[in-house]
Protein backbone atom coordinates (compact mmCIF):
# COMPACT_ATOMS: atom_id res chain seq x y z
CA MET A 1 -28.44 10.74 -2.21
CA ASN A 2 -27.32 8.31 -4.93
CA GLU A 3 -25.22 5.10 -3.99
CA LEU A 4 -21.48 5.22 -4.51
CA THR A 5 -19.96 3.02 -7.31
CA ASP A 6 -17.09 0.77 -6.33
CA LYS A 7 -14.69 3.07 -7.89
CA GLN A 8 -15.80 6.01 -6.03
CA ILE A 9 -15.52 4.25 -2.76
CA LYS A 10 -11.96 3.38 -3.66
CA VAL A 11 -11.25 6.86 -4.41
CA LEU A 12 -12.82 7.94 -1.15
CA LYS A 13 -10.82 5.44 0.70
CA SER A 14 -7.53 6.44 -0.97
CA VAL A 15 -8.08 10.01 -0.06
CA ALA A 16 -8.59 9.04 3.62
CA LYS A 17 -5.50 6.87 3.83
CA LEU A 18 -3.35 9.41 2.11
CA MET A 19 -4.58 12.20 4.42
CA GLN A 20 -3.79 9.90 7.57
CA HIS A 21 -0.33 9.05 6.42
CA ASN A 22 0.75 12.43 5.16
CA GLY A 23 -1.23 14.86 7.41
CA VAL A 24 -2.63 16.81 4.44
CA PRO A 25 -5.12 16.18 1.62
CA PRO A 26 -3.65 14.43 -1.34
CA THR A 27 -3.25 16.13 -4.75
CA ARG A 28 -5.11 14.71 -7.73
CA LYS A 29 -1.80 13.23 -9.08
CA GLU A 30 -1.20 11.41 -5.72
CA ILE A 31 -4.62 9.78 -5.97
CA ALA A 32 -4.25 8.68 -9.58
CA GLU A 33 -0.72 7.25 -8.74
CA LYS A 34 -2.04 5.14 -5.80
CA LEU A 35 -4.98 3.78 -7.68
CA GLY A 36 -3.29 3.34 -11.03
CA PHE A 37 -5.27 5.83 -12.87
CA ARG A 38 -3.91 7.14 -16.33
CA SER A 39 -4.06 10.94 -15.38
CA ALA A 40 -4.84 13.32 -12.61
CA ASN A 41 -7.93 14.35 -14.42
CA ALA A 42 -9.33 10.79 -13.95
CA ALA A 43 -9.00 11.19 -10.15
CA GLN A 44 -10.72 14.69 -10.53
CA GLN A 45 -13.72 13.33 -12.33
CA HIS A 46 -14.28 10.84 -9.42
CA LEU A 47 -13.82 13.73 -6.86
CA LYS A 48 -16.32 15.94 -8.60
CA ALA A 49 -18.89 12.97 -8.53
CA LEU A 50 -18.16 12.31 -4.80
CA GLU A 51 -18.89 16.02 -4.21
CA ARG A 52 -22.02 15.85 -6.06
CA LYS A 53 -23.04 13.12 -3.78
CA GLY A 54 -22.36 14.98 -0.70
CA MET A 55 -19.24 12.94 0.16
CA VAL A 56 -16.49 15.52 -0.06
CA SER A 57 -16.03 19.20 -0.28
CA LEU A 58 -13.58 20.53 -2.95
CA ASP A 59 -11.88 24.09 -3.29
CA ASN A 60 -10.73 23.82 -6.98
CA GLY A 61 -8.40 26.82 -6.66
CA LYS A 62 -6.13 24.71 -4.52
CA SER A 63 -4.04 21.62 -5.10
CA ARG A 64 -4.74 20.00 -1.78
CA SER A 65 -8.39 21.10 -1.33
CA ILE A 66 -10.44 18.01 -0.22
CA THR A 67 -12.50 17.92 3.05
CA ILE A 68 -14.32 14.65 3.78
CA LEU A 69 -17.74 15.44 4.83
CA SER A 70 -19.81 13.59 7.50
CA ALA A 71 -21.51 11.50 4.91
CA GLY A 72 -18.26 10.47 3.51
CA GLN A 73 -16.86 9.66 6.81
CA LEU A 74 -20.01 7.31 7.44
CA VAL A 75 -19.17 5.36 4.27
CA LEU A 76 -15.68 4.95 5.15
CA GLY A 77 -16.59 3.45 8.43
CA THR A 78 -19.05 1.17 6.94
CA ALA A 79 -16.68 0.12 4.32
CA ALA A 80 -13.91 -0.67 6.76
CA GLU A 81 -16.09 -2.71 8.86
CA HIS A 82 -17.23 -4.87 5.96
CA GLU A 83 -14.15 -5.17 3.87
CA GLY A 84 -11.22 -5.52 6.22
CA LEU A 85 -7.73 -5.35 4.74
CA ALA A 86 -7.06 -5.69 0.87
CA VAL A 87 -5.17 -8.90 -0.34
CA ILE A 88 -2.55 -7.73 -2.90
CA GLY A 89 -1.59 -10.39 -5.27
CA LYS A 90 1.13 -10.26 -8.11
CA VAL A 91 2.11 -6.49 -8.82
CA ALA A 92 2.45 -5.51 -12.46
CA ALA A 93 5.55 -3.58 -13.38
CA GLY A 94 5.21 0.00 -13.20
CA GLN A 95 1.84 0.35 -11.24
CA PRO A 96 1.33 1.25 -7.78
CA ILE A 97 1.08 -1.78 -5.34
CA LEU A 98 -2.37 -0.69 -4.08
CA ALA A 99 -3.81 -0.30 -7.72
CA ALA A 100 -7.38 -1.88 -7.65
CA ALA A 101 -6.11 -4.37 -10.41
CA HIS A 102 -3.94 -5.94 -7.73
CA VAL A 103 -6.63 -6.53 -5.10
CA GLU A 104 -7.52 -10.24 -5.08
CA GLY A 105 -10.07 -9.92 -2.21
CA HIS A 106 -10.24 -8.68 1.41
CA TYR A 107 -9.76 -10.20 5.02
CA HIS A 108 -12.04 -9.46 7.77
CA ILE A 109 -9.28 -8.50 10.14
CA ASP A 110 -8.94 -5.29 12.20
CA PRO A 111 -5.86 -3.15 11.12
CA ASN A 112 -5.58 -2.05 14.53
CA LEU A 113 -4.49 -5.53 15.74
CA PHE A 114 -1.13 -4.65 14.55
CA SER A 115 1.16 -1.80 15.84
CA PRO A 116 1.42 0.35 13.92
CA ALA A 117 -1.68 -0.33 12.14
CA ALA A 118 -1.81 -2.51 8.97
CA ASP A 119 -2.45 -1.19 5.54
CA TYR A 120 -2.65 -4.28 3.32
CA LEU A 121 -2.02 -7.97 2.92
CA LEU A 122 0.67 -9.04 0.38
CA ARG A 123 0.65 -12.46 -0.97
CA VAL A 124 4.30 -13.99 -0.83
CA GLU A 125 5.73 -15.70 -3.78
CA GLY A 126 8.63 -18.10 -3.36
CA ASP A 127 10.61 -19.49 -0.29
CA SER A 128 13.45 -16.82 -0.08
CA MET A 129 12.18 -15.95 3.43
CA LYS A 130 11.16 -19.30 4.86
CA GLU A 131 13.85 -19.24 7.50
CA CYS A 132 11.99 -16.46 9.19
CA GLY A 133 8.71 -18.18 8.98
CA ILE A 134 7.36 -16.39 5.73
CA LEU A 135 6.35 -19.01 3.29
CA ASP A 136 5.28 -19.26 -0.24
CA GLY A 137 1.48 -18.22 -0.46
CA ASP A 138 1.66 -16.71 3.05
CA LEU A 139 0.19 -13.14 3.45
CA LEU A 140 2.50 -10.56 4.75
CA VAL A 141 0.94 -7.87 6.92
CA VAL A 142 2.32 -4.55 5.62
CA GLN A 143 2.25 -1.00 6.80
CA ALA A 144 2.80 1.24 3.65
CA ASN A 145 5.71 3.47 3.54
CA THR A 146 3.77 6.50 2.41
CA THR A 147 6.18 8.96 3.93
CA GLN A 148 9.25 7.26 2.47
CA GLN A 149 10.93 6.79 5.72
CA LEU A 150 14.39 4.83 5.90
CA PRO A 151 14.09 1.07 7.21
CA LYS A 152 16.00 -0.06 10.32
CA ASN A 153 18.72 -2.47 9.37
CA ARG A 154 17.52 -6.01 9.18
CA GLN A 155 13.91 -4.85 8.92
CA ILE A 156 11.55 -7.07 6.76
CA VAL A 157 10.53 -4.61 4.03
CA VAL A 158 8.25 -4.81 0.65
CA ALA A 159 10.95 -3.30 -1.76
CA ARG A 160 10.52 -2.41 -5.46
CA LEU A 161 13.65 -2.83 -7.62
CA ASN A 162 13.43 -2.39 -11.28
CA ASP A 163 9.60 -2.65 -11.22
CA GLU A 164 9.86 -6.02 -9.29
CA VAL A 165 8.35 -6.26 -5.92
CA THR A 166 10.16 -8.50 -3.41
CA VAL A 167 9.96 -9.21 0.33
CA LYS A 168 13.52 -9.13 1.96
CA ARG A 169 15.46 -7.95 4.99
CA PHE A 170 17.05 -4.41 4.59
CA TYR A 171 20.53 -3.78 5.29
CA ARG A 172 22.89 -0.69 4.88
CA ALA A 173 26.18 -0.38 6.49
CA SER A 174 25.96 3.45 7.21
CA GLU A 175 23.44 6.18 6.45
CA ASP A 176 25.54 7.63 3.86
CA SER A 177 26.62 4.61 2.07
CA PRO A 178 24.95 4.16 -1.43
CA ILE A 179 24.94 0.35 -1.16
CA ILE A 180 21.89 -1.49 0.13
CA SER A 181 21.64 -5.03 0.60
CA LEU A 182 18.31 -6.94 0.33
CA LEU A 183 18.96 -10.05 2.45
CA PRO A 184 17.01 -13.27 2.04
CA GLU A 185 16.16 -15.76 4.98
CA ASN A 186 17.09 -19.00 2.94
CA PRO A 187 20.63 -20.02 2.26
CA ALA A 188 19.74 -21.31 -1.13
CA PHE A 189 19.25 -17.50 -2.11
CA GLN A 190 21.63 -14.72 -2.67
CA ALA A 191 21.51 -11.31 -1.20
CA ILE A 192 20.43 -8.69 -3.78
CA GLN A 193 23.15 -5.71 -3.82
CA ILE A 194 21.88 -2.35 -4.96
CA ASP A 195 24.10 0.57 -5.80
CA LEU A 196 21.81 3.77 -5.21
CA ASN A 197 24.34 5.75 -7.57
CA GLU A 198 23.04 3.32 -10.59
CA GLN A 199 19.78 1.76 -9.51
CA SER A 200 16.53 2.80 -8.26
CA LEU A 201 15.09 1.37 -5.14
CA ASN A 202 11.75 2.13 -3.35
CA ILE A 203 10.77 0.82 0.01
CA GLU A 204 7.15 0.23 -0.54
CA GLY A 205 6.38 -0.87 2.95
CA PHE A 206 7.21 -2.67 6.26
CA GLY A 207 6.30 -6.16 7.49
CA LEU A 208 4.17 -6.34 10.64
CA GLY A 209 3.41 -10.03 10.74
CA VAL A 210 2.35 -13.12 8.74
CA ILE A 211 -0.93 -14.96 8.12
CA ARG A 212 -0.63 -18.57 7.10
CA SER A 213 -2.13 -19.12 3.78
CA ASP A 214 -3.61 -22.54 4.68
CA LYS A 215 -5.54 -21.12 7.70
CA ARG A 216 -7.21 -18.25 5.89
CA LYS A 217 -8.59 -17.47 2.65
CA PRO A 218 -9.62 -14.25 1.21
CA LEU A 219 -13.38 -13.47 0.68
């Protein structure tokens, strides 16, 4: 059996993670969006290569038709053991936060040390959250919001607003209010006010903890 390329391993891992969060296999479009591919056809080509190498089984008559075979499960277990959590650096406008181009490196840390399990580490830029111990250059431990669930008030979130990604506390006066506030933890910064009737806001993930930047470095 041929070895997998780095891109094929990323596709395989993406399929597994989307299945874990959504409870069903992902579509080709969902895989392409998660990895920053230009089209669903690019994802399909990688899936076909994985099928040829015995990693997955595909039913091309269905949109959600991916089964990870035992060989693929073995690769996933080995990759998780050696790589740990991806470190996400500056996120380019319009691209998925977990696109391969944003990955600076990996930390050898067990995702299950956090509850719920962590999906990635986001490098923090700026001091807007310093009063709650999140400093410039720190790594925020993040659970990806793949099911688009609503945050709790004052929960620390990774939010995308107008293609910019920011770490703030979430606040909404009531469930039916169109006004969302993204609150800093530094009096030198102002809250960001969003009117959902006029602006688009996407909650990319939830903060689970912090790793000090001066104590650990990505591999």
